[in-house]
């Protein structure tokens, strides 16, 4: 090292110290590089975990016994202005004929018509309490009904008719809200009260059940106030008198509140216009009344099944591509992937290929034991694709179970892949173990790096002190030289 410039300035000393420290720091820098390499390796494990977990999630969906993705169905109505239809995968293939004689309606009762500025309720001088009966079906008693108590205070009745009607309506709505808060009933079981003005100067109270159907009809307890209102009249409202708008009837079969329809030759009655309990997995929405039957057809949804299988293939291929780049040697550049030296990970591609190519012995059909039999093939790199869509469609149309068995039976592709992947991605699994091992190595390196940083700090101070002393010595020598030169010049 050239010390000739050391006498120039403190900057010169710092420069020399920096040069020496670059050499001294090399062992520490090598440790930092090792730590960075380990961190990069850990991120590879995290990414592999993410891709394997995404594949596992899709496999679990394909094996879901409730969703039944391989039994995906689609439904069509010959007149969707009259009948809407929604279908679940559990529905059976077939055609259904439907006509609608009556739509379901909400029970609606009205009071007598009152002059707004009249005082027809002034004879009531005490608080009035009455009960309204509403449906509250339970699992053990589908016909269960409860009584909701409503109290109207005495001071209410000193007002005009429109004021009294408004206050009674508010009291009913408040009582219903409290019953919901107390969990006596649910919010879709309430009765709504309101005041309607049919013409200037006259009004009446209207009660309407939240839900349609005979089950959700309203009932009334004995009450002089209700009698005065005549909202509990057991006859149909006519003119200015109160009563029901739709005939409640005595059962589901004679009530105007229920929908009445003929489905495949059978007459049915329901509380709602949304019928989801006639056929498993099929919900009909009755939109109008009509006599000419509408046809509802239910067929396998080939596109949905293919989409789910393609989604599985895409996620599987993503794993294969990732393993090729991270757990193999690049055949073109001969660069080694970060996991290529670990036989557990470098062998995953072969393991996965074997799992998807092996026959499924437990499949119900002898003709559908391999993914190849439904048109799914692997290329030279092990990536899957639906090579023959016609084969795939034929299998689904013939029987969705043929496709389902290949994935879901005891030795099905999805079952075997899920078990294999779970060993890697589960808590405490193979990838967790690899990451914890790296964390331990990183911690050890960090301790060594911290120790070496302390040594380097001390070394840097030592060099700075030594070079400072050299600088001071050089200053003295330079001054002495100048002194002797001036002395010789005097001679």
Protein backbone atom coordinates (compact mmCIF):
# COMPACT_ATOMS: atom_id res chain seq x y z
CA UNK A 1 0.00 0.00 0.00
CA UNK A 2 1.29 3.44 -0.97
CA UNK A 3 1.48 5.72 2.10
CA UNK A 4 2.80 8.72 0.20
CA UNK A 5 -0.60 10.48 0.21
CA UNK A 6 -1.31 9.86 3.85
CA UNK A 7 -0.14 13.23 4.92
CA UNK A 8 -2.65 15.05 2.72
CA UNK A 9 -5.87 15.01 4.78
CA UNK A 10 -8.27 13.07 6.89
CA UNK A 11 -10.01 12.06 3.66
CA UNK A 12 -6.82 10.32 2.56
CA UNK A 13 -6.79 8.34 5.79
CA UNK A 14 -10.44 7.38 5.31
CA UNK A 15 -9.69 6.24 1.78
CA UNK A 16 -6.86 3.99 2.97
CA UNK A 17 -9.03 2.60 5.78
CA UNK A 18 -11.83 1.86 3.31
CA UNK A 19 -9.41 -0.01 1.04
CA UNK A 20 -8.16 -2.16 3.89
CA UNK A 21 -11.69 -2.78 5.18
CA UNK A 22 -12.88 -4.00 1.77
CA UNK A 23 -10.33 -6.77 2.07
CA UNK A 24 -11.11 -7.45 5.73
CA UNK A 25 -14.90 -7.63 5.03
CA UNK A 26 -14.72 -10.36 2.41
CA UNK A 27 -15.42 -13.25 4.83
CA UNK A 28 -18.38 -11.32 6.27
CA UNK A 29 -19.69 -10.53 2.77
CA UNK A 30 -19.52 -14.20 1.85
CA UNK A 31 -21.72 -14.97 4.84
CA UNK A 32 -24.19 -12.28 3.77
CA UNK A 33 -24.33 -13.82 0.28
CA UNK A 34 -25.00 -17.22 1.84
CA UNK A 35 -27.83 -15.70 3.87
CA UNK A 36 -29.30 -14.06 0.77
CA UNK A 37 -29.09 -17.35 -1.12
CA UNK A 38 -30.91 -19.11 1.71
CA UNK A 39 -33.61 -16.42 1.78
CA UNK A 40 -34.12 -16.85 -1.96
CA UNK A 41 -34.35 -20.61 -1.48
CA UNK A 42 -36.94 -20.11 1.26
CA UNK A 43 -39.03 -17.91 -1.05
CA UNK A 44 -38.96 -20.75 -3.61
CA UNK A 45 -40.40 -23.07 -0.98
CA UNK A 46 -43.10 -20.51 -0.16
CA UNK A 47 -44.04 -20.20 -3.84
CA UNK A 48 -44.10 -23.98 -4.24
CA UNK A 49 -46.32 -24.22 -1.16
CA UNK A 50 -48.69 -21.64 -2.69
CA UNK A 51 -48.98 -23.47 -6.01
CA UNK A 52 -49.42 -26.87 -4.40
CA UNK A 53 -52.04 -25.46 -2.02
CA UNK A 54 -53.98 -23.94 -4.94
CA UNK A 55 -53.94 -27.32 -6.67
CA UNK A 56 -55.04 -29.06 -3.48
CA UNK A 57 -57.94 -26.62 -3.03
CA UNK A 58 -59.15 -27.41 -6.54
CA UNK A 59 -58.80 -31.14 -5.92
CA UNK A 60 -60.84 -30.86 -2.73
CA UNK A 61 -63.53 -29.03 -4.70
CA UNK A 62 -63.61 -31.81 -7.29
CA UNK A 63 -64.10 -34.40 -4.53
CA UNK A 64 -66.75 -32.38 -2.65
CA UNK A 65 -69.68 -34.73 -1.96
CA UNK A 66 -72.10 -31.81 -1.54
CA UNK A 67 -71.14 -29.63 -4.51
CA UNK A 68 -70.85 -32.64 -6.89
CA UNK A 69 -69.04 -30.67 -9.62
CA UNK A 70 -69.00 -33.57 -12.10
CA UNK A 71 -72.79 -33.69 -11.93
CA UNK A 72 -73.15 -30.03 -12.96
CA UNK A 73 -76.54 -29.35 -14.50
CA UNK A 74 -78.14 -26.60 -16.50
CA UNK A 75 -81.86 -25.87 -16.71
CA UNK A 76 -83.94 -24.12 -19.36
CA UNK A 77 -87.54 -22.93 -19.34
CA UNK A 78 -89.50 -22.89 -22.57
CA UNK A 79 -91.01 -19.57 -21.37
CA UNK A 80 -88.88 -17.77 -18.81
CA UNK A 81 -91.48 -14.98 -18.59
CA UNK A 82 -93.81 -17.44 -16.89
CA UNK A 83 -91.46 -19.86 -15.12
CA UNK A 84 -87.90 -19.25 -14.01
CA UNK A 85 -85.72 -22.16 -12.95
CA UNK A 86 -82.54 -22.62 -10.92
CA UNK A 87 -80.81 -25.97 -10.71
CA UNK A 88 -78.19 -27.53 -8.44
CA UNK A 89 -75.81 -30.33 -9.34
CA UNK A 90 -77.83 -32.82 -7.30
CA UNK A 91 -80.78 -32.52 -9.73
CA UNK A 92 -81.63 -35.39 -12.04
CA UNK A 93 -81.60 -35.04 -15.80
CA UNK A 94 -85.09 -34.82 -17.33
CA UNK A 95 -87.98 -32.68 -18.57
CA UNK A 96 -90.83 -31.29 -16.47
CA UNK A 97 -94.23 -29.90 -17.47
CA UNK A 98 -95.65 -27.03 -15.43
CA UNK A 99 -98.83 -24.90 -15.44
CA UNK A 100 -99.87 -22.36 -12.78
CA UNK A 101 -103.45 -21.78 -11.64
CA UNK A 102 -102.75 -19.33 -8.79
CA UNK A 103 -99.81 -17.31 -7.48
CA UNK A 104 -99.00 -17.05 -3.78
CA UNK A 105 -99.94 -13.79 -2.03
CA UNK A 106 -99.34 -12.14 1.32
CA UNK A 107 -102.23 -12.16 3.79
CA UNK A 108 -103.62 -8.60 3.70
CA UNK A 109 -106.29 -7.22 6.05
CA UNK A 110 -107.82 -3.74 6.11
CA UNK A 111 -109.82 -1.82 8.66
CA UNK A 112 -113.05 0.05 8.09
CA UNK A 113 -112.70 3.34 6.28
CA UNK A 114 -112.63 6.32 8.66
CA UNK A 115 -113.02 10.05 8.17
CA UNK A 116 -109.66 11.62 8.96
CA UNK A 117 -111.00 14.39 11.19
CA UNK A 118 -113.55 12.17 12.98
CA UNK A 119 -113.25 10.92 16.57
CA UNK A 120 -114.65 7.39 16.33
CA UNK A 121 -112.25 6.12 19.03
CA UNK A 122 -113.01 8.69 21.74
CA UNK A 123 -115.00 6.13 23.76
CA UNK A 124 -111.76 4.34 24.67
CA UNK A 125 -110.51 5.88 27.91
CA UNK A 126 -108.01 3.24 29.04
CA UNK A 127 -104.97 1.53 27.56
CA UNK A 128 -105.95 -1.08 24.97
CA UNK A 129 -103.97 -4.31 24.56
CA UNK A 130 -104.53 -6.87 21.82
CA UNK A 131 -102.62 -9.76 20.28
CA UNK A 132 -101.67 -10.58 16.74
CA UNK A 133 -100.87 -14.19 15.86
CA UNK A 134 -98.03 -14.90 13.43
CA UNK A 135 -96.36 -18.03 12.09
CA UNK A 136 -93.04 -19.09 13.60
CA UNK A 137 -92.27 -22.55 12.14
CA UNK A 138 -89.64 -24.67 13.87
CA UNK A 139 -87.86 -27.88 12.95
CA UNK A 140 -90.08 -29.84 15.32
CA UNK A 141 -93.30 -27.95 14.59
CA UNK A 142 -93.71 -26.45 11.11
CA UNK A 143 -97.16 -25.14 12.14
CA UNK A 144 -95.97 -23.32 15.25
CA UNK A 145 -97.59 -19.91 15.86
CA UNK A 146 -96.89 -17.21 18.45
CA UNK A 147 -98.85 -14.33 19.96
CA UNK A 148 -97.42 -10.80 19.74
CA UNK A 149 -98.90 -8.38 22.27
CA UNK A 150 -99.58 -4.77 21.23
CA UNK A 151 -100.53 -1.96 23.66
CA UNK A 152 -101.99 1.39 22.66
CA UNK A 153 -102.05 4.01 25.45
CA UNK A 154 -105.27 5.76 26.48
CA UNK A 155 -104.15 9.26 25.48
CA UNK A 156 -104.02 8.06 21.85
CA UNK A 157 -107.80 7.92 21.53
CA UNK A 158 -108.36 11.61 22.23
CA UNK A 159 -106.98 12.45 18.80
CA UNK A 160 -108.61 12.44 15.40
CA UNK A 161 -109.11 9.20 13.47
CA UNK A 162 -106.07 9.69 11.25
CA UNK A 163 -103.89 10.30 14.32
CA UNK A 164 -105.28 7.23 16.09
CA UNK A 165 -104.76 4.99 13.05
CA UNK A 166 -101.20 6.22 12.67
CA UNK A 167 -100.41 5.60 16.36
CA UNK A 168 -101.93 2.10 16.31
CA UNK A 169 -99.87 1.26 13.20
CA UNK A 170 -96.71 2.49 14.90
CA UNK A 171 -97.51 0.43 18.01
CA UNK A 172 -97.93 -2.72 15.90
CA UNK A 173 -94.68 -2.14 14.01
CA UNK A 174 -92.81 -1.45 17.26
CA UNK A 175 -94.18 -4.63 18.84
CA UNK A 176 -93.06 -6.65 15.83
CA UNK A 177 -89.59 -5.09 15.93
CA UNK A 178 -89.30 -5.92 19.63
CA UNK A 179 -90.40 -9.51 18.99
CA UNK A 180 -87.63 -9.84 16.40
CA UNK A 181 -85.10 -8.34 18.84
CA UNK A 182 -86.27 -10.80 21.51
CA UNK A 183 -85.91 -13.63 18.95
CA UNK A 184 -89.56 -14.55 19.43
CA UNK A 185 -89.95 -14.37 15.65
CA UNK A 186 -87.64 -13.67 12.73
CA UNK A 187 -87.63 -10.56 10.58
CA UNK A 188 -89.36 -12.38 7.72
CA UNK A 189 -92.28 -13.42 9.92
CA UNK A 190 -93.51 -9.97 10.94
CA UNK A 191 -96.76 -8.20 10.14
CA UNK A 192 -96.42 -4.71 8.68
CA UNK A 193 -98.95 -2.01 9.59
CA UNK A 194 -99.56 1.15 7.60
CA UNK A 195 -102.24 3.74 6.90
CA UNK A 196 -103.59 4.22 3.39
CA UNK A 197 -105.69 7.12 2.13
CA UNK A 198 -107.97 5.90 -0.65
CA UNK A 199 -109.41 9.35 -1.27
CA UNK A 200 -109.11 12.82 0.23
CA UNK A 201 -110.27 12.96 3.83
CA UNK A 202 -110.64 9.25 4.53
CA UNK A 203 -108.14 6.58 5.61
CA UNK A 204 -107.93 3.01 6.76
CA UNK A 205 -105.28 0.80 8.35
CA UNK A 206 -103.68 -2.01 6.34
CA UNK A 207 -101.95 -5.09 7.80
CA UNK A 208 -99.75 -7.21 5.54
CA UNK A 209 -97.77 -10.36 6.35
CA UNK A 210 -94.11 -10.29 5.36
CA UNK A 211 -94.26 -13.66 3.64
CA UNK A 212 -96.78 -15.19 1.27
CA UNK A 213 -98.85 -18.28 1.87
CA UNK A 214 -101.42 -19.89 4.14
CA UNK A 215 -98.75 -20.81 6.72
CA UNK A 216 -98.02 -17.10 7.22
CA UNK A 217 -101.63 -16.00 7.60
CA UNK A 218 -102.26 -13.62 10.49
CA UNK A 219 -104.58 -14.21 13.43
CA UNK A 220 -106.28 -11.90 15.95
CA UNK A 221 -106.99 -12.16 19.65
CA UNK A 222 -110.24 -10.94 21.20
CA UNK A 223 -110.24 -7.13 21.37
CA UNK A 224 -112.87 -4.38 21.39
CA UNK A 225 -110.39 -2.07 19.65
CA UNK A 226 -109.86 -4.59 16.84
CA UNK A 227 -113.64 -4.98 16.55
CA UNK A 228 -114.01 -1.21 16.19
CA UNK A 229 -111.32 -1.18 13.53
CA UNK A 230 -113.03 -4.23 11.97
CA UNK A 231 -109.61 -5.35 10.73
CA UNK A 232 -110.41 -8.80 12.15
CA UNK A 233 -113.56 -9.17 10.09
CA UNK A 234 -113.85 -12.80 8.86
CA UNK A 235 -115.37 -11.62 5.59
CA UNK A 236 -113.85 -10.08 2.48
CA UNK A 237 -113.54 -6.30 2.55
CA UNK A 238 -116.19 -4.54 0.53
CA UNK A 239 -116.81 -0.82 0.12
CA UNK A 240 -115.93 0.97 3.36
CA UNK A 241 -115.93 -2.14 5.57
CA UNK A 242 -112.86 -3.94 6.81
CA UNK A 243 -111.84 -7.58 6.31
CA UNK A 244 -109.49 -9.70 4.24
CA UNK A 245 -108.37 -8.84 0.69
CA UNK A 246 -107.63 -12.47 -0.26
CA UNK A 247 -109.66 -15.36 1.08
CA UNK A 248 -107.52 -16.98 3.76
CA UNK A 249 -109.42 -20.25 3.63
CA UNK A 250 -109.15 -23.11 6.08
CA UNK A 251 -106.18 -25.03 4.66
CA UNK A 252 -103.42 -24.88 2.07
CA UNK A 253 -105.70 -26.36 -0.58
CA UNK A 254 -108.51 -23.79 -0.41
CA UNK A 255 -106.54 -20.65 0.48
CA UNK A 256 -106.04 -17.83 -2.00
CA UNK A 257 -102.74 -17.12 -0.24
CA UNK A 258 -101.01 -20.21 -1.64
CA UNK A 259 -99.67 -20.86 -5.10
CA UNK A 260 -101.48 -23.64 -6.96
CA UNK A 261 -99.75 -25.35 -9.86
CA UNK A 262 -99.67 -28.60 -11.75
CA UNK A 263 -96.23 -30.21 -12.06
CA UNK A 264 -95.90 -33.32 -14.20
CA UNK A 265 -99.60 -34.05 -13.77
CA UNK A 266 -99.67 -33.54 -9.98
CA UNK A 267 -101.51 -30.60 -8.37
CA UNK A 268 -99.39 -28.93 -5.70
CA UNK A 269 -99.86 -26.14 -3.16
CA UNK A 270 -97.08 -24.00 -1.73
CA UNK A 271 -96.76 -20.91 0.49
CA UNK A 272 -94.37 -19.30 -1.96
CA UNK A 273 -93.97 -18.69 -5.66
CA UNK A 274 -90.42 -19.99 -5.31
CA UNK A 275 -90.76 -23.77 -5.21
CA UNK A 276 -87.57 -25.62 -4.26
CA UNK A 277 -88.95 -28.75 -2.60
CA UNK A 278 -90.80 -30.48 -5.41
CA UNK A 279 -87.72 -32.07 -7.02
CA UNK A 280 -84.29 -32.42 -5.42
CA UNK A 281 -81.95 -29.72 -6.64
CA UNK A 282 -84.54 -27.85 -8.74
CA UNK A 283 -86.11 -24.49 -7.83
CA UNK A 284 -89.03 -23.21 -9.90
CA UNK A 285 -89.97 -19.53 -9.82
CA UNK A 286 -93.65 -19.03 -10.65
CA UNK A 287 -94.02 -15.68 -12.40
CA UNK A 288 -97.54 -15.76 -13.86
CA UNK A 289 -100.68 -17.85 -14.16
CA UNK A 290 -101.20 -19.88 -17.35
CA UNK A 291 -102.88 -23.03 -18.57
CA UNK A 292 -100.67 -23.97 -21.52
CA UNK A 293 -97.86 -26.00 -19.89
CA UNK A 294 -94.28 -24.68 -19.84
CA UNK A 295 -91.47 -27.23 -20.24
CA UNK A 296 -88.44 -27.11 -17.98
CA UNK A 297 -85.49 -29.20 -19.19
CA UNK A 298 -82.53 -30.26 -17.04
CA UNK A 299 -79.37 -31.53 -18.72
CA UNK A 300 -75.67 -32.05 -17.85
CA UNK A 301 -73.69 -28.82 -18.05
CA UNK A 302 -70.76 -29.95 -20.16
CA UNK A 303 -69.11 -26.54 -20.17
CA UNK A 304 -69.08 -26.27 -16.37
CA UNK A 305 -67.65 -29.77 -15.94
CA UNK A 306 -65.01 -29.09 -18.58
CA UNK A 307 -64.19 -25.73 -16.99
CA UNK A 308 -63.61 -27.36 -13.59
CA UNK A 309 -61.42 -30.08 -15.09
CA UNK A 310 -59.49 -27.50 -17.14
CA UNK A 311 -58.95 -25.44 -13.98
CA UNK A 312 -57.47 -28.52 -12.31
CA UNK A 313 -55.24 -29.12 -15.36
CA UNK A 314 -54.04 -25.50 -15.35
CA UNK A 315 -53.09 -25.63 -11.67
CA UNK A 316 -51.42 -29.01 -12.12
CA UNK A 317 -49.40 -27.71 -15.08
CA UNK A 318 -48.35 -24.62 -13.08
CA UNK A 319 -46.81 -26.95 -10.48
CA UNK A 320 -45.04 -28.97 -13.19
CA UNK A 321 -43.62 -25.79 -14.81
CA UNK A 322 -42.47 -24.45 -11.47
CA UNK A 323 -40.74 -27.70 -10.51
CA UNK A 324 -39.04 -27.85 -13.92
CA UNK A 325 -37.49 -24.41 -13.38
CA UNK A 326 -36.70 -24.74 -9.67
CA UNK A 327 -36.01 -28.44 -9.07
CA UNK A 328 -34.30 -29.51 -12.30
CA UNK A 329 -31.21 -28.63 -14.34
CA UNK A 330 -31.95 -26.39 -17.32
CA UNK A 331 -31.18 -28.57 -20.38
CA UNK A 332 -30.17 -25.54 -22.45
CA UNK A 333 -28.08 -23.51 -20.01
CA UNK A 334 -27.18 -26.35 -17.60
CA UNK A 335 -28.05 -23.97 -14.78
CA UNK A 336 -29.14 -25.81 -11.65
CA UNK A 337 -32.45 -24.89 -10.05
CA UNK A 338 -32.32 -23.95 -6.35
CA UNK A 339 -34.03 -27.25 -5.38
CA UNK A 340 -32.31 -29.50 -7.90
CA UNK A 341 -29.90 -30.93 -5.29
CA UNK A 342 -32.76 -32.05 -3.03
CA UNK A 343 -34.02 -35.43 -4.21
CA UNK A 344 -37.33 -34.96 -2.35
CA UNK A 345 -38.23 -32.01 -4.60
CA UNK A 346 -36.35 -33.00 -7.73
CA UNK A 347 -38.37 -36.23 -7.79
CA UNK A 348 -41.77 -34.56 -7.46
CA UNK A 349 -42.39 -34.31 -11.21
CA UNK A 350 -41.94 -38.05 -11.61
CA UNK A 351 -44.20 -38.70 -8.62
CA UNK A 352 -46.95 -36.44 -9.97
CA UNK A 353 -46.76 -37.97 -13.43
CA UNK A 354 -47.13 -41.45 -11.98
CA UNK A 355 -50.14 -40.45 -9.89
CA UNK A 356 -52.08 -39.08 -12.89
CA UNK A 357 -51.11 -41.87 -15.29
CA UNK A 358 -51.88 -44.90 -13.12
CA UNK A 359 -55.18 -46.75 -13.73
CA UNK A 360 -58.03 -46.16 -11.28
CA UNK A 361 -58.95 -49.71 -10.34
CA UNK A 362 -61.94 -48.69 -8.20
CA UNK A 363 -63.69 -46.86 -11.08
CA UNK A 364 -67.15 -48.29 -11.73
CA UNK A 365 -66.76 -48.62 -15.51
CA UNK A 366 -64.17 -50.89 -17.10
CA UNK A 367 -64.02 -48.49 -20.04
CA UNK A 368 -63.01 -45.51 -17.90
CA UNK A 369 -59.97 -46.43 -15.83
CA UNK A 370 -57.48 -43.85 -17.14
CA UNK A 371 -57.57 -40.11 -17.74
CA UNK A 372 -56.72 -41.01 -21.30
CA UNK A 373 -60.14 -42.70 -21.62
CA UNK A 374 -61.84 -39.30 -21.19
CA UNK A 375 -59.48 -37.54 -23.57
CA UNK A 376 -56.89 -36.18 -21.07
CA UNK A 377 -53.27 -36.80 -22.05
CA UNK A 378 -49.79 -35.75 -20.89
CA UNK A 379 -47.13 -34.32 -23.21
CA UNK A 380 -43.40 -35.13 -23.08
CA UNK A 381 -42.94 -32.64 -20.23
CA UNK A 382 -45.69 -34.21 -18.16
CA UNK A 383 -48.21 -31.38 -18.64
CA UNK A 384 -51.83 -32.38 -19.06
CA UNK A 385 -54.44 -31.22 -21.56
CA UNK A 386 -57.86 -32.27 -22.85
CA UNK A 387 -56.60 -33.61 -26.16
CA UNK A 388 -59.88 -35.19 -27.23
CA UNK A 389 -62.93 -33.06 -26.35
CA UNK A 390 -65.27 -35.53 -28.04
CA UNK A 391 -64.15 -38.31 -25.72
CA UNK A 392 -64.61 -36.04 -22.75
CA UNK A 393 -68.11 -34.92 -23.77
CA UNK A 394 -69.22 -38.46 -24.51
CA UNK A 395 -68.15 -39.63 -21.06
CA UNK A 396 -70.00 -36.80 -19.27
CA UNK A 397 -73.14 -37.22 -21.37
CA UNK A 398 -73.16 -41.00 -20.98
CA UNK A 399 -72.80 -40.85 -17.20
CA UNK A 400 -71.09 -38.12 -15.11
CA UNK A 401 -70.06 -40.87 -12.68
CA UNK A 402 -67.58 -42.16 -15.27
CA UNK A 403 -65.63 -38.91 -15.00
CA UNK A 404 -66.26 -38.49 -11.29
CA UNK A 405 -64.93 -41.98 -10.48
CA UNK A 406 -61.63 -41.24 -12.19
CA UNK A 407 -61.10 -38.41 -9.75
CA UNK A 408 -63.10 -39.28 -6.64
CA UNK A 409 -63.07 -43.04 -6.08
CA UNK A 410 -60.82 -44.52 -3.39
CA UNK A 411 -57.77 -44.60 -5.69
CA UNK A 412 -58.95 -41.77 -7.95
CA UNK A 413 -56.57 -39.17 -9.35
CA UNK A 414 -57.83 -36.33 -7.13
CA UNK A 415 -57.76 -38.50 -3.99
CA UNK A 416 -54.18 -39.70 -4.60
CA UNK A 417 -52.93 -36.25 -5.55
CA UNK A 418 -54.55 -34.68 -2.47
CA UNK A 419 -52.91 -37.21 -0.16
CA UNK A 420 -49.53 -36.70 -1.84
CA UNK A 421 -49.68 -32.89 -1.80
CA UNK A 422 -50.94 -32.75 1.78
CA UNK A 423 -47.67 -34.28 3.00
CA UNK A 424 -45.87 -31.26 1.60
CA UNK A 425 -48.23 -28.37 2.44
CA UNK A 426 -49.77 -29.37 5.77
CA UNK A 427 -48.63 -27.66 8.96
CA UNK A 428 -45.45 -29.43 9.99
CA UNK A 429 -45.18 -31.05 6.56
CA UNK A 430 -42.20 -31.40 4.25
CA UNK A 431 -42.12 -27.78 3.08
CA UNK A 432 -42.54 -26.48 6.62
CA UNK A 433 -39.60 -28.64 7.65
CA UNK A 434 -37.45 -27.33 4.80
CA UNK A 435 -38.29 -23.71 5.67
CA UNK A 436 -37.57 -24.23 9.36
CA UNK A 437 -34.21 -25.74 8.50
CA UNK A 438 -33.40 -22.69 6.40
CA UNK A 439 -34.55 -20.38 9.21
CA UNK A 440 -32.13 -22.15 11.54
CA UNK A 441 -29.28 -21.75 9.06
CA UNK A 442 -30.13 -18.09 8.52
CA UNK A 443 -30.18 -17.48 12.28
CA UNK A 444 -26.75 -19.08 12.63
CA UNK A 445 -25.40 -16.93 9.78
CA UNK A 446 -26.91 -13.78 11.29
CA UNK A 447 -25.15 -14.50 14.58
CA UNK A 448 -21.85 -14.96 12.77
CA UNK A 449 -22.41 -11.81 10.69
CA UNK A 450 -23.17 -9.78 13.84
CA UNK A 451 -20.00 -11.11 15.47
CA UNK A 452 -17.91 -10.26 12.41
CA UNK A 453 -19.46 -6.78 12.19
CA UNK A 454 -18.25 -6.12 15.73
CA UNK A 455 -14.77 -7.29 14.79
CA UNK A 456 -14.80 -5.16 11.64
CA UNK A 457 -15.83 -2.08 13.64
CA UNK A 458 -12.87 -2.62 15.95
CA UNK A 459 -10.55 -3.29 13.03
CA UNK A 460 -11.66 -0.12 11.28
CA UNK A 461 -10.94 1.94 14.42
CA UNK A 462 -7.53 0.27 14.73
CA UNK A 463 -6.62 1.13 11.14
CA UNK A 464 -7.83 4.67 11.56
CA UNK A 465 -5.70 5.13 14.70
CA UNK A 466 -2.63 3.62 13.07
CA UNK A 467 -2.88 5.73 9.94
CA UNK A 468 -3.49 8.83 12.03
CA UNK A 469 -0.25 8.16 13.94
CA UNK A 470 1.60 7.65 10.69
CA UNK A 471 0.21 10.93 9.43
CA UNK A 472 1.36 12.73 12.55
CA UNK A 473 4.83 11.20 12.25
CA UNK A 474 5.05 12.29 8.63
CA UNK A 475 4.10 15.84 9.62
CA UNK A 476 6.99 15.91 12.12
CA UNK A 477 9.44 14.55 9.57
CA UNK A 478 8.31 17.04 6.97
CA UNK A 479 8.78 19.95 9.42
CA UNK A 480 12.24 18.73 10.37
CA UNK A 481 13.20 18.46 6.74
CA UNK A 482 12.07 22.03 6.11
CA UNK A 483 14.10 23.21 9.10
CA UNK A 484 17.28 21.53 7.88
CA UNK A 485 16.76 22.81 4.35
CA UNK A 486 16.42 26.38 5.57
CA UNK A 487 19.56 25.98 7.75
CA UNK A 488 21.62 24.68 4.81
CA UNK A 489 20.39 27.48 2.59
CA UNK A 490 21.68 30.06 5.09
CA UNK A 491 25.16 28.69 4.70
